Amino acid sequence: MFVWSKRLVAGLLGAFVLLIGIFYIQGEPETISGLKIHTTRWMAANYIGLLIWIFIWMFDQARVRGKNVLLWLVPFVLAPLPTLMLFIVFLQKKVKS
């Protein structure tokens, strides 16, 4: 399973730490607007990381069930939460024997 891969987790955490480090270097937290920028970047980094993790989970679940997850990529980018809900409902459909 890709979701629990130690290499994947280490890579995503490393990228997150690197991104936050870049944000600290670029931002000026002494000003109020600098704090807003830092907070916005922090939220964006967390949101993007969560989206990556969820799509990897979707890929893993589709692979286990023999489905194609690439059809869900564009809707997932445009509206992640509704797409995730529809994907879960789609995977719960009974397979016709």
N, C-alpha and C. Protein backbone atom coordinates (compact mmCIF):
# COMPACT_ATOMS: atom_id res chain seq x y z
N MET A 1 0.83 -1.18 0.00
CA MET A 1 0.00 0.00 0.00
C MET A 1 0.88 1.24 0.00
N PHE A 2 0.55 2.17 -0.86
CA PHE A 2 1.32 3.40 -0.95
C PHE A 2 1.06 4.34 0.24
N VAL A 3 -0.13 4.24 0.82
CA VAL A 3 -0.51 5.19 1.86
C VAL A 3 0.40 5.07 3.08
N TRP A 4 0.83 3.88 3.40
CA TRP A 4 1.64 3.68 4.60
C TRP A 4 3.11 3.46 4.28
N SER A 5 3.55 3.80 3.10
CA SER A 5 4.95 3.65 2.71
C SER A 5 5.83 4.62 3.50
N LYS A 6 6.86 4.09 4.15
CA LYS A 6 7.75 4.94 4.94
C LYS A 6 8.51 5.92 4.05
N ARG A 7 8.89 5.51 2.86
CA ARG A 7 9.58 6.42 1.94
C ARG A 7 8.67 7.56 1.51
N LEU A 8 7.41 7.25 1.24
CA LEU A 8 6.46 8.29 0.85
C LEU A 8 6.24 9.29 1.98
N VAL A 9 6.04 8.77 3.19
CA VAL A 9 5.82 9.65 4.34
C VAL A 9 7.06 10.51 4.58
N ALA A 10 8.23 9.92 4.51
CA ALA A 10 9.46 10.69 4.72
C ALA A 10 9.62 11.76 3.64
N GLY A 11 9.30 11.43 2.40
CA GLY A 11 9.39 12.40 1.30
C GLY A 11 8.42 13.55 1.47
N LEU A 12 7.17 13.24 1.82
CA LEU A 12 6.17 14.29 2.00
C LEU A 12 6.50 15.17 3.21
N LEU A 13 6.96 14.56 4.30
CA LEU A 13 7.35 15.36 5.47
C LEU A 13 8.57 16.22 5.17
N GLY A 14 9.53 15.66 4.44
CA GLY A 14 10.70 16.44 4.06
C GLY A 14 10.33 17.63 3.18
N ALA A 15 9.44 17.40 2.22
CA ALA A 15 8.99 18.49 1.35
C ALA A 15 8.25 19.55 2.15
N PHE A 16 7.45 19.12 3.12
CA PHE A 16 6.71 20.06 3.96
C PHE A 16 7.67 20.92 4.78
N VAL A 17 8.67 20.29 5.41
CA VAL A 17 9.64 21.02 6.21
C VAL A 17 10.44 21.99 5.34
N LEU A 18 10.83 21.55 4.16
CA LEU A 18 11.56 22.41 3.23
C LEU A 18 10.70 23.61 2.81
N LEU A 19 9.45 23.37 2.51
CA LEU A 19 8.53 24.43 2.11
C LEU A 19 8.32 25.44 3.24
N ILE A 20 8.13 24.95 4.45
CA ILE A 20 7.96 25.84 5.60
C ILE A 20 9.24 26.64 5.84
N GLY A 21 10.41 25.99 5.68
CA GLY A 21 11.68 26.71 5.82
C GLY A 21 11.81 27.83 4.80
N ILE A 22 11.41 27.57 3.56
CA ILE A 22 11.45 28.61 2.53
C ILE A 22 10.50 29.74 2.89
N PHE A 23 9.33 29.40 3.41
CA PHE A 23 8.37 30.43 3.82
C PHE A 23 8.93 31.31 4.93
N TYR A 24 9.63 30.70 5.88
CA TYR A 24 10.22 31.49 6.97
C TYR A 24 11.29 32.44 6.45
N ILE A 25 12.09 31.98 5.50
CA ILE A 25 13.16 32.82 4.95
C ILE A 25 12.57 33.99 4.16
N GLN A 26 11.53 33.74 3.39
CA GLN A 26 10.96 34.76 2.52
C GLN A 26 10.08 35.76 3.27
N GLY A 27 9.41 35.31 4.33
CA GLY A 27 8.45 36.17 5.01
C GLY A 27 9.11 37.14 5.98
N GLU A 28 8.38 38.20 6.30
CA GLU A 28 8.81 39.16 7.30
C GLU A 28 7.79 39.14 8.43
N PRO A 29 7.98 38.26 9.43
CA PRO A 29 6.96 38.11 10.47
C PRO A 29 6.88 39.29 11.44
N GLU A 30 7.76 40.31 11.32
CA GLU A 30 7.71 41.44 12.24
C GLU A 30 6.47 42.30 12.02
N THR A 31 5.95 42.29 10.82
CA THR A 31 4.78 43.11 10.52
C THR A 31 3.51 42.27 10.60
N ILE A 32 2.40 42.96 10.74
CA ILE A 32 1.11 42.26 10.80
C ILE A 32 0.84 41.56 9.47
N SER A 33 1.13 42.23 8.36
CA SER A 33 0.88 41.61 7.06
C SER A 33 1.80 40.42 6.84
N GLY A 34 3.01 40.48 7.42
CA GLY A 34 3.91 39.34 7.33
C GLY A 34 3.36 38.13 8.06
N LEU A 35 2.70 38.37 9.19
CA LEU A 35 2.07 37.28 9.93
C LEU A 35 0.92 36.68 9.13
N LYS A 36 0.15 37.53 8.46
CA LYS A 36 -0.95 37.04 7.63
C LYS A 36 -0.41 36.19 6.49
N ILE A 37 0.68 36.65 5.87
CA ILE A 37 1.28 35.89 4.77
C ILE A 37 1.78 34.55 5.28
N HIS A 38 2.44 34.56 6.44
CA HIS A 38 2.95 33.31 7.00
C HIS A 38 1.81 32.34 7.30
N THR A 39 0.74 32.85 7.89
CA THR A 39 -0.41 32.00 8.21
C THR A 39 -1.05 31.44 6.94
N THR A 40 -1.19 32.26 5.94
CA THR A 40 -1.76 31.81 4.68
C THR A 40 -0.89 30.74 4.04
N ARG A 41 0.42 30.94 4.06
CA ARG A 41 1.32 29.94 3.49
C ARG A 41 1.29 28.64 4.28
N TRP A 42 1.21 28.75 5.60
CA TRP A 42 1.14 27.57 6.46
C TRP A 42 -0.12 26.76 6.14
N MET A 43 -1.24 27.46 6.01
CA MET A 43 -2.50 26.78 5.68
C MET A 43 -2.44 26.16 4.29
N ALA A 44 -1.85 26.87 3.34
CA ALA A 44 -1.75 26.35 1.97
C ALA A 44 -0.87 25.10 1.93
N ALA A 45 0.25 25.12 2.65
CA ALA A 45 1.14 23.96 2.68
C ALA A 45 0.43 22.75 3.29
N ASN A 46 -0.31 22.96 4.36
CA ASN A 46 -1.05 21.86 4.99
C ASN A 46 -2.15 21.34 4.07
N TYR A 47 -2.87 22.24 3.41
CA TYR A 47 -3.95 21.85 2.52
C TYR A 47 -3.42 21.05 1.33
N ILE A 48 -2.35 21.52 0.74
CA ILE A 48 -1.77 20.82 -0.40
C ILE A 48 -1.25 19.45 0.01
N GLY A 49 -0.60 19.39 1.18
CA GLY A 49 -0.13 18.09 1.68
C GLY A 49 -1.28 17.13 1.92
N LEU A 50 -2.37 17.63 2.47
CA LEU A 50 -3.54 16.79 2.70
C LEU A 50 -4.14 16.31 1.38
N LEU A 51 -4.20 17.18 0.39
CA LEU A 51 -4.73 16.77 -0.92
C LEU A 51 -3.86 15.69 -1.55
N ILE A 52 -2.56 15.83 -1.44
CA ILE A 52 -1.65 14.81 -1.99
C ILE A 52 -1.89 13.48 -1.28
N TRP A 53 -1.97 13.54 0.05
CA TRP A 53 -2.18 12.31 0.82
C TRP A 53 -3.51 11.65 0.47
N ILE A 54 -4.57 12.43 0.33
CA ILE A 54 -5.88 11.87 -0.01
C ILE A 54 -5.87 11.26 -1.40
N PHE A 55 -5.21 11.93 -2.36
CA PHE A 55 -5.18 11.36 -3.71
C PHE A 55 -4.37 10.07 -3.73
N ILE A 56 -3.30 10.00 -2.95
CA ILE A 56 -2.54 8.75 -2.87
C ILE A 56 -3.41 7.65 -2.28
N TRP A 57 -4.21 7.99 -1.27
CA TRP A 57 -5.14 7.01 -0.69
C TRP A 57 -6.14 6.56 -1.74
N MET A 58 -6.67 7.52 -2.52
CA MET A 58 -7.63 7.17 -3.57
C MET A 58 -6.97 6.24 -4.60
N PHE A 59 -5.74 6.56 -4.98
CA PHE A 59 -5.01 5.72 -5.93
C PHE A 59 -4.85 4.31 -5.38
N ASP A 60 -4.48 4.22 -4.12
CA ASP A 60 -4.27 2.93 -3.49
C ASP A 60 -5.56 2.12 -3.42
N GLN A 61 -6.66 2.76 -3.04
CA GLN A 61 -7.94 2.06 -2.95
C GLN A 61 -8.43 1.61 -4.32
N ALA A 62 -8.23 2.45 -5.33
CA ALA A 62 -8.65 2.08 -6.68
C ALA A 62 -7.81 0.92 -7.21
N ARG A 63 -6.54 0.93 -6.90
CA ARG A 63 -5.65 -0.15 -7.35
C ARG A 63 -6.05 -1.47 -6.71
N VAL A 64 -6.39 -1.46 -5.43
CA VAL A 64 -6.80 -2.67 -4.73
C VAL A 64 -8.08 -3.23 -5.34
N ARG A 65 -8.98 -2.36 -5.77
CA ARG A 65 -10.27 -2.79 -6.31
C ARG A 65 -10.28 -2.92 -7.83
N GLY A 66 -9.16 -2.68 -8.47
CA GLY A 66 -9.07 -2.83 -9.92
C GLY A 66 -9.77 -1.73 -10.69
N LYS A 67 -9.83 -0.54 -10.14
CA LYS A 67 -10.47 0.60 -10.81
C LYS A 67 -9.40 1.57 -11.29
N ASN A 68 -9.81 2.52 -12.14
CA ASN A 68 -8.89 3.53 -12.67
C ASN A 68 -9.11 4.84 -11.93
N VAL A 69 -8.10 5.33 -11.23
CA VAL A 69 -8.24 6.55 -10.44
C VAL A 69 -7.93 7.79 -11.29
N LEU A 70 -7.27 7.65 -12.41
CA LEU A 70 -6.90 8.81 -13.21
C LEU A 70 -8.12 9.54 -13.76
N LEU A 71 -9.24 8.85 -13.88
CA LEU A 71 -10.47 9.51 -14.31
C LEU A 71 -10.96 10.51 -13.26
N TRP A 72 -10.54 10.34 -12.02
CA TRP A 72 -10.97 11.19 -10.91
C TRP A 72 -10.02 12.35 -10.67
N LEU A 73 -8.92 12.44 -11.39
CA LEU A 73 -7.90 13.45 -11.12
C LEU A 73 -8.40 14.87 -11.37
N VAL A 74 -8.98 15.15 -12.52
CA VAL A 74 -9.44 16.51 -12.83
C VAL A 74 -10.56 16.96 -11.89
N PRO A 75 -11.59 16.13 -11.66
CA PRO A 75 -12.60 16.56 -10.68
C PRO A 75 -12.01 16.76 -9.28
N PHE A 76 -11.02 15.95 -8.91
CA PHE A 76 -10.40 16.08 -7.59
C PHE A 76 -9.66 17.40 -7.46
N VAL A 77 -8.99 17.82 -8.52
CA VAL A 77 -8.27 19.10 -8.49
C VAL A 77 -9.26 20.26 -8.38
N LEU A 78 -10.39 20.16 -9.06
CA LEU A 78 -11.37 21.25 -9.07
C LEU A 78 -12.20 21.32 -7.79
N ALA A 79 -12.59 20.16 -7.26
CA ALA A 79 -13.44 20.12 -6.06
C ALA A 79 -13.09 18.86 -5.26
N PRO A 80 -12.08 18.93 -4.39
CA PRO A 80 -11.59 17.72 -3.72
C PRO A 80 -12.61 17.00 -2.83
N LEU A 81 -13.31 17.72 -1.99
CA LEU A 81 -14.21 17.05 -1.04
C LEU A 81 -15.39 16.36 -1.72
N PRO A 82 -16.13 17.02 -2.62
CA PRO A 82 -17.22 16.30 -3.29
C PRO A 82 -16.72 15.12 -4.12
N THR A 83 -15.56 15.28 -4.75
CA THR A 83 -15.01 14.18 -5.54
C THR A 83 -14.64 13.00 -4.65
N LEU A 84 -14.06 13.28 -3.49
CA LEU A 84 -13.72 12.21 -2.56
C LEU A 84 -14.98 11.48 -2.11
N MET A 85 -16.04 12.22 -1.81
CA MET A 85 -17.29 11.58 -1.39
C MET A 85 -17.87 10.70 -2.51
N LEU A 86 -17.88 11.22 -3.73
CA LEU A 86 -18.39 10.43 -4.86
C LEU A 86 -17.51 9.21 -5.13
N PHE A 87 -16.21 9.37 -4.98
CA PHE A 87 -15.28 8.25 -5.18
C PHE A 87 -15.56 7.13 -4.17
N ILE A 88 -15.79 7.50 -2.91
CA ILE A 88 -16.07 6.50 -1.89
C ILE A 88 -17.38 5.79 -2.19
N VAL A 89 -18.41 6.55 -2.61
CA VAL A 89 -19.70 5.94 -2.97
C VAL A 89 -19.51 5.02 -4.18
N PHE A 90 -18.72 5.45 -5.15
CA PHE A 90 -18.46 4.64 -6.34
C PHE A 90 -17.77 3.32 -5.97
N LEU A 91 -16.83 3.37 -5.03
CA LEU A 91 -16.12 2.15 -4.64
C LEU A 91 -17.00 1.21 -3.83
N GLN A 92 -18.06 1.72 -3.23
CA GLN A 92 -18.93 0.88 -2.42
C GLN A 92 -20.01 0.16 -3.25
N LYS A 93 -20.08 0.48 -4.55
CA LYS A 93 -21.05 -0.21 -5.41
C LYS A 93 -20.75 -1.70 -5.44
N LYS A 94 -21.78 -2.47 -5.44
CA LYS A 94 -21.60 -3.91 -5.52
C LYS A 94 -21.14 -4.30 -6.91
N VAL A 95 -20.19 -5.20 -6.95
CA VAL A 95 -19.68 -5.69 -8.23
C VAL A 95 -20.63 -6.78 -8.73
N LYS A 96 -21.05 -6.64 -9.99
CA LYS A 96 -21.94 -7.64 -10.58
C LYS A 96 -21.14 -8.87 -10.95
N SER A 97 -21.60 -10.02 -10.51
CA SER A 97 -20.88 -11.27 -10.78
C SER A 97 -21.41 -11.95 -12.01
